[in-house]
Amino acid sequence: MTVRLFALTCGRLEVDMAAMMEGEAGRKLVPVPTFLVEHPKGNVLYDTGMHPLLQSDPAARLGAAKAARFGYDYVPGEEVSARLEQIGRDPARIERVVTSHLHFDHSGGNGLIPNAELIVQQDEWAVGTDPERGPQWGLDGDDLKLGHPVRRVDGEHDVFGDGRVVCIPTPGHTPGHQSLRVRLDGGEVVLAGDACYFCRTLRERRLPARVYDREKMHASLERLAALERGGARIVFGHDPESWALVPQAPAEIAF
């Protein structure tokens, strides 16, 4: 039973490194990744990247103040639906989206995957859809209200029931952040999402400037480190140096 994993770059963001890691400075261009997992029982996306409106008018999507915090290297053809079509996959035939969390660069493309069930952690759903707490933490609960069925899970969730594609809770960055463990024929790959922006985040344990729960984020980093010690390959959330070494679709990620 072969499982295939593909990496898709859905634009890039210029970010303030002081916000991304304690003690850093300056600005950096970082990738916005999404991933396609093909399992014999169905197709899964891990995250959907940014809304296509950010290609032309970020302020209309994010509001002027938030939009001004970033630079956008994101053009037509880089949204998740186009990336899928470029490798011969139909966005309408994606059956599930595992949402790592509800920040704009991770769930903004949900509307481009029209027929998928969205899988989200209960804690992320609860805060993200709260009209006061969601905006306070930059969570866009509206990305869960586009007509998709939503599966709220609490803790680990084995997507196909065979241990090959498993959602693992890695909270702290947001209330219900989740990473995705994919067991390929050659070994395990863990898609860390924003539980771990950079390889240096894992090695040095320097957190972003603002996180939902620092203690839980440190615990999540330790969980990722334990998986790595056990032989898993960690794919980091926004690390341009390590991302340059990740094969891009249509090539597969191999362990």
Protein backbone atom coordinates (compact mmCIF):
# COMPACT_ATOMS: atom_id res chain seq x y z
CA MET A 1 0.00 0.00 0.00
CA THR A 2 2.07 2.89 -1.32
CA VAL A 3 1.58 6.43 -0.02
CA ARG A 4 2.96 9.31 -2.08
CA LEU A 5 3.85 12.78 -0.80
CA PHE A 6 4.27 15.93 -2.89
CA ALA A 7 5.42 19.44 -1.92
CA LEU A 8 3.84 22.49 -3.54
CA THR A 9 5.16 26.05 -3.16
CA CYS A 10 2.17 28.40 -3.11
CA GLY A 11 3.95 31.74 -3.15
CA ARG A 12 6.27 33.40 -0.68
CA LEU A 13 5.98 36.00 2.04
CA GLU A 14 8.49 38.57 3.18
CA VAL A 15 8.42 38.48 6.97
CA ASP A 16 9.88 40.37 9.92
CA MET A 17 12.38 37.95 11.44
CA ALA A 18 11.99 39.56 14.87
CA ALA A 19 8.43 38.25 14.85
CA MET A 20 9.45 34.80 13.64
CA MET A 21 12.24 34.06 16.13
CA GLU A 22 13.36 35.67 19.36
CA GLY A 23 16.59 37.63 18.98
CA GLU A 24 16.48 37.92 15.18
CA ALA A 25 16.25 41.07 13.06
CA GLY A 26 15.70 42.10 9.46
CA ARG A 27 13.34 40.74 6.86
CA LYS A 28 13.38 37.46 4.96
CA LEU A 29 11.49 35.85 2.07
CA VAL A 30 10.01 32.54 3.20
CA PRO A 31 8.04 29.88 1.32
CA VAL A 32 4.35 29.15 1.79
CA PRO A 33 4.13 25.35 1.47
CA THR A 34 1.22 23.00 0.96
CA PHE A 35 1.42 19.23 0.60
CA LEU A 36 -0.50 16.59 -1.31
CA VAL A 37 -0.70 13.11 0.16
CA GLU A 38 -1.97 10.37 -2.14
CA HIS A 39 -3.18 7.28 -0.29
CA PRO A 40 -4.91 4.29 -1.89
CA LYS A 41 -8.07 5.30 -0.03
CA GLY A 42 -8.06 8.97 -1.01
CA ASN A 43 -6.22 12.26 -1.49
CA VAL A 44 -5.37 14.69 1.31
CA LEU A 45 -3.98 18.21 1.32
CA TYR A 46 -2.08 19.51 4.30
CA ASP A 47 -2.95 23.22 4.26
CA THR A 48 -4.14 25.31 1.33
CA GLY A 49 -1.90 28.37 1.44
CA MET A 50 -3.07 31.91 0.77
CA HIS A 51 -6.26 33.32 -0.68
CA PRO A 52 -5.77 34.42 -4.32
CA LEU A 53 -6.87 37.97 -3.45
CA LEU A 54 -3.45 38.42 -1.85
CA GLN A 55 -2.00 38.37 -5.36
CA SER A 56 -3.65 41.71 -6.18
CA ASP A 57 -5.05 43.41 -3.06
CA PRO A 58 -3.79 42.02 0.26
CA ALA A 59 -5.41 44.82 2.24
CA ALA A 60 -8.85 43.87 0.95
CA ARG A 61 -8.36 40.39 2.37
CA LEU A 62 -6.37 41.05 5.55
CA GLY A 63 -7.07 44.66 6.39
CA ALA A 64 -4.57 47.44 5.78
CA ALA A 65 -2.63 47.17 9.04
CA LYS A 66 -2.10 43.41 8.91
CA ALA A 67 -1.37 43.39 5.18
CA ALA A 68 1.36 46.00 5.64
CA ARG A 69 3.34 43.66 7.91
CA PHE A 70 4.24 41.40 5.00
CA GLY A 71 5.63 41.52 1.49
CA TYR A 72 4.00 39.29 -1.12
CA ASP A 73 5.77 37.26 -3.79
CA TYR A 74 2.59 35.55 -4.95
CA VAL A 75 1.30 35.61 -8.51
CA PRO A 76 -1.49 33.92 -10.49
CA GLY A 77 -0.62 30.28 -11.03
CA GLU A 78 0.80 29.88 -7.52
CA GLU A 79 -2.50 29.37 -5.67
CA VAL A 80 -3.06 25.81 -4.49
CA SER A 81 -5.66 24.91 -7.11
CA ALA A 82 -3.35 25.99 -9.94
CA ARG A 83 -0.42 24.14 -8.42
CA LEU A 84 -2.49 20.96 -8.33
CA GLU A 85 -3.61 21.40 -11.93
CA GLN A 86 -0.01 21.93 -13.01
CA ILE A 87 0.79 18.38 -11.86
CA GLY A 88 -2.36 16.89 -13.38
CA ARG A 89 -4.49 16.76 -10.22
CA ASP A 90 -8.08 18.01 -10.10
CA PRO A 91 -8.73 20.26 -7.06
CA ALA A 92 -12.35 19.12 -7.09
CA ARG A 93 -11.23 15.54 -6.44
CA ILE A 94 -9.33 16.27 -3.25
CA GLU A 95 -11.36 14.57 -0.55
CA ARG A 96 -9.79 15.91 2.64
CA VAL A 97 -7.88 18.96 3.82
CA VAL A 98 -5.97 18.73 7.07
CA THR A 99 -5.85 22.30 8.36
CA SER A 100 -2.75 22.84 10.47
CA HIS A 101 -4.25 26.06 11.85
CA LEU A 102 -6.30 29.05 10.83
CA HIS A 103 -3.71 31.66 9.91
CA PHE A 104 -4.17 33.32 6.54
CA ASP A 105 -1.23 31.60 4.84
CA HIS A 106 -2.40 28.12 5.81
CA SER A 107 -6.19 28.06 5.38
CA GLY A 108 -6.74 30.93 2.92
CA GLY A 109 -7.06 28.62 -0.09
CA ASN A 110 -9.79 26.41 1.38
CA GLY A 111 -12.36 27.80 -1.03
CA LEU A 112 -10.27 26.55 -3.97
CA ILE A 113 -10.73 22.94 -2.85
CA PRO A 114 -14.52 22.80 -3.09
CA ASN A 115 -15.41 19.19 -2.28
CA ALA A 116 -13.08 18.37 0.60
CA GLU A 117 -13.84 17.60 4.20
CA LEU A 118 -11.84 19.94 6.45
CA ILE A 119 -10.11 18.26 9.39
CA VAL A 120 -9.36 20.65 12.23
CA GLN A 121 -8.54 20.26 15.90
CA GLN A 122 -11.43 21.05 18.24
CA ASP A 123 -9.44 23.70 20.14
CA GLU A 124 -8.56 25.50 16.90
CA TRP A 125 -12.19 25.44 15.80
CA ALA A 126 -13.42 26.71 19.18
CA VAL A 127 -11.11 29.72 19.31
CA GLY A 128 -11.01 30.37 15.57
CA THR A 129 -14.78 30.60 15.20
CA ASP A 130 -15.21 32.75 18.32
CA PRO A 131 -15.94 36.30 17.11
CA GLU A 132 -13.74 37.85 19.79
CA ARG A 133 -10.94 35.34 20.41
CA GLY A 134 -10.43 34.41 16.76
CA PRO A 135 -9.42 37.89 15.54
CA GLN A 136 -7.39 38.43 18.73
CA TRP A 137 -5.14 35.55 17.71
CA GLY A 138 -5.21 36.16 13.96
CA LEU A 139 -7.38 33.11 13.27
CA ASP A 140 -9.80 33.20 10.36
CA GLY A 141 -12.73 31.00 11.32
CA ASP A 142 -14.51 32.04 8.13
CA ASP A 143 -12.20 29.65 6.27
CA LEU A 144 -14.20 26.88 7.93
CA LYS A 145 -17.53 28.35 6.82
CA LEU A 146 -17.35 28.00 3.04
CA GLY A 147 -19.72 25.07 2.72
CA HIS A 148 -17.27 22.25 3.39
CA PRO A 149 -18.08 19.50 5.85
CA VAL A 150 -15.87 20.03 8.91
CA ARG A 151 -14.52 17.19 11.02
CA ARG A 152 -13.46 18.40 14.46
CA VAL A 153 -10.97 16.06 16.07
CA ASP A 154 -9.54 16.04 19.56
CA GLY A 155 -6.00 14.71 19.72
CA GLU A 156 -4.36 12.29 17.30
CA HIS A 157 -6.46 11.39 14.30
CA ASP A 158 -5.59 8.51 11.98
CA VAL A 159 -7.02 9.72 8.68
CA PHE A 160 -7.32 6.31 7.00
CA GLY A 161 -7.17 4.05 10.06
CA ASP A 162 -3.92 2.36 9.04
CA GLY A 163 -1.26 4.55 10.65
CA ARG A 164 -0.01 5.95 7.34
CA VAL A 165 -1.42 9.50 7.60
CA VAL A 166 -1.90 10.75 11.15
CA CYS A 167 -2.75 14.20 12.50
CA ILE A 168 -0.69 14.90 15.61
CA PRO A 169 -1.53 17.78 17.96
CA THR A 170 1.28 20.33 18.23
CA PRO A 171 -0.40 23.26 20.00
CA GLY A 172 1.19 26.44 21.23
CA HIS A 173 1.63 28.49 18.09
CA THR A 174 -2.17 28.53 18.05
CA PRO A 175 -4.67 26.77 20.36
CA GLY A 176 -5.13 23.70 18.19
CA HIS A 177 -2.23 23.56 15.79
CA GLN A 178 -1.68 20.11 14.30
CA SER A 179 1.18 18.60 12.32
CA LEU A 180 0.89 15.63 9.97
CA ARG A 181 2.87 12.39 10.19
CA VAL A 182 3.10 10.53 6.87
CA ARG A 183 4.56 7.03 6.76
CA LEU A 184 6.12 6.46 3.37
CA ASP A 185 7.53 3.12 2.27
CA GLY A 186 11.02 4.23 3.30
CA GLY A 187 10.21 5.91 6.61
CA GLU A 188 8.23 8.66 8.31
CA VAL A 189 8.00 12.30 7.30
CA VAL A 190 6.50 14.84 9.70
CA LEU A 191 5.06 18.02 8.21
CA ALA A 192 5.59 20.39 11.13
CA GLY A 193 3.62 23.38 9.92
CA ASP A 194 4.03 26.42 12.13
CA ALA A 195 4.76 24.33 15.20
CA CYS A 196 8.33 24.79 13.95
CA TYR A 197 9.05 27.58 11.46
CA PHE A 198 12.72 26.80 10.90
CA CYS A 199 15.26 24.08 11.52
CA ARG A 200 16.90 26.56 13.90
CA THR A 201 13.65 26.77 15.86
CA LEU A 202 13.97 23.10 16.70
CA ARG A 203 17.70 23.22 17.39
CA GLU A 204 17.78 26.46 19.39
CA ARG A 205 14.24 26.52 20.85
CA ARG A 206 13.78 30.22 20.14
CA LEU A 207 10.07 30.84 19.72
CA PRO A 208 8.23 33.45 17.68
CA ALA A 209 7.63 36.74 19.46
CA ARG A 210 3.94 36.05 19.98
CA VAL A 211 2.47 32.61 20.50
CA TYR A 212 -0.77 31.40 22.04
CA ASP A 213 0.89 29.26 24.73
CA ARG A 214 4.67 29.22 25.16
CA GLU A 215 4.74 26.18 27.43
CA LYS A 216 2.68 24.11 24.99
CA MET A 217 4.78 25.25 22.06
CA HIS A 218 7.96 24.14 23.82
CA ALA A 219 6.29 20.78 24.50
CA SER A 220 5.34 20.50 20.83
CA LEU A 221 8.93 21.19 19.79
CA GLU A 222 10.06 18.44 22.13
CA ARG A 223 7.51 16.10 20.54
CA LEU A 224 8.90 16.91 17.09
CA ALA A 225 12.44 16.40 18.37
CA ALA A 226 11.46 13.00 19.79
CA LEU A 227 9.98 11.99 16.44
CA GLU A 228 13.19 13.08 14.74
CA ARG A 229 15.28 11.07 17.20
CA GLY A 230 13.07 8.11 16.35
CA GLY A 231 14.04 8.40 12.70
CA ALA A 232 11.41 10.74 11.23
CA ARG A 233 12.33 13.47 8.76
CA ILE A 234 10.91 16.85 9.81
CA VAL A 235 9.78 19.28 7.11
CA PHE A 236 9.74 22.74 8.65
CA GLY A 237 7.01 25.33 8.19
CA HIS A 238 8.72 28.29 6.51
CA ASP A 239 12.44 27.53 6.28
CA PRO A 240 13.81 28.76 2.92
CA GLU A 241 17.13 26.94 3.29
CA SER A 242 15.68 23.52 4.08
CA TRP A 243 12.80 24.05 1.64
CA ALA A 244 15.32 24.43 -1.17
CA LEU A 245 16.28 20.79 -0.51
CA VAL A 246 12.70 19.47 -0.63
CA PRO A 247 11.78 17.99 -4.05
CA GLN A 248 8.94 19.94 -5.63
CA ALA A 249 5.96 18.35 -7.35
CA PRO A 250 5.70 16.55 -9.69
CA ALA A 251 8.73 14.93 -8.03
CA GLU A 252 7.84 13.02 -4.88
CA ILE A 253 9.25 13.49 -1.41
CA ALA A 254 11.08 10.28 -0.65
CA PHE A 255 12.45 9.34 2.70
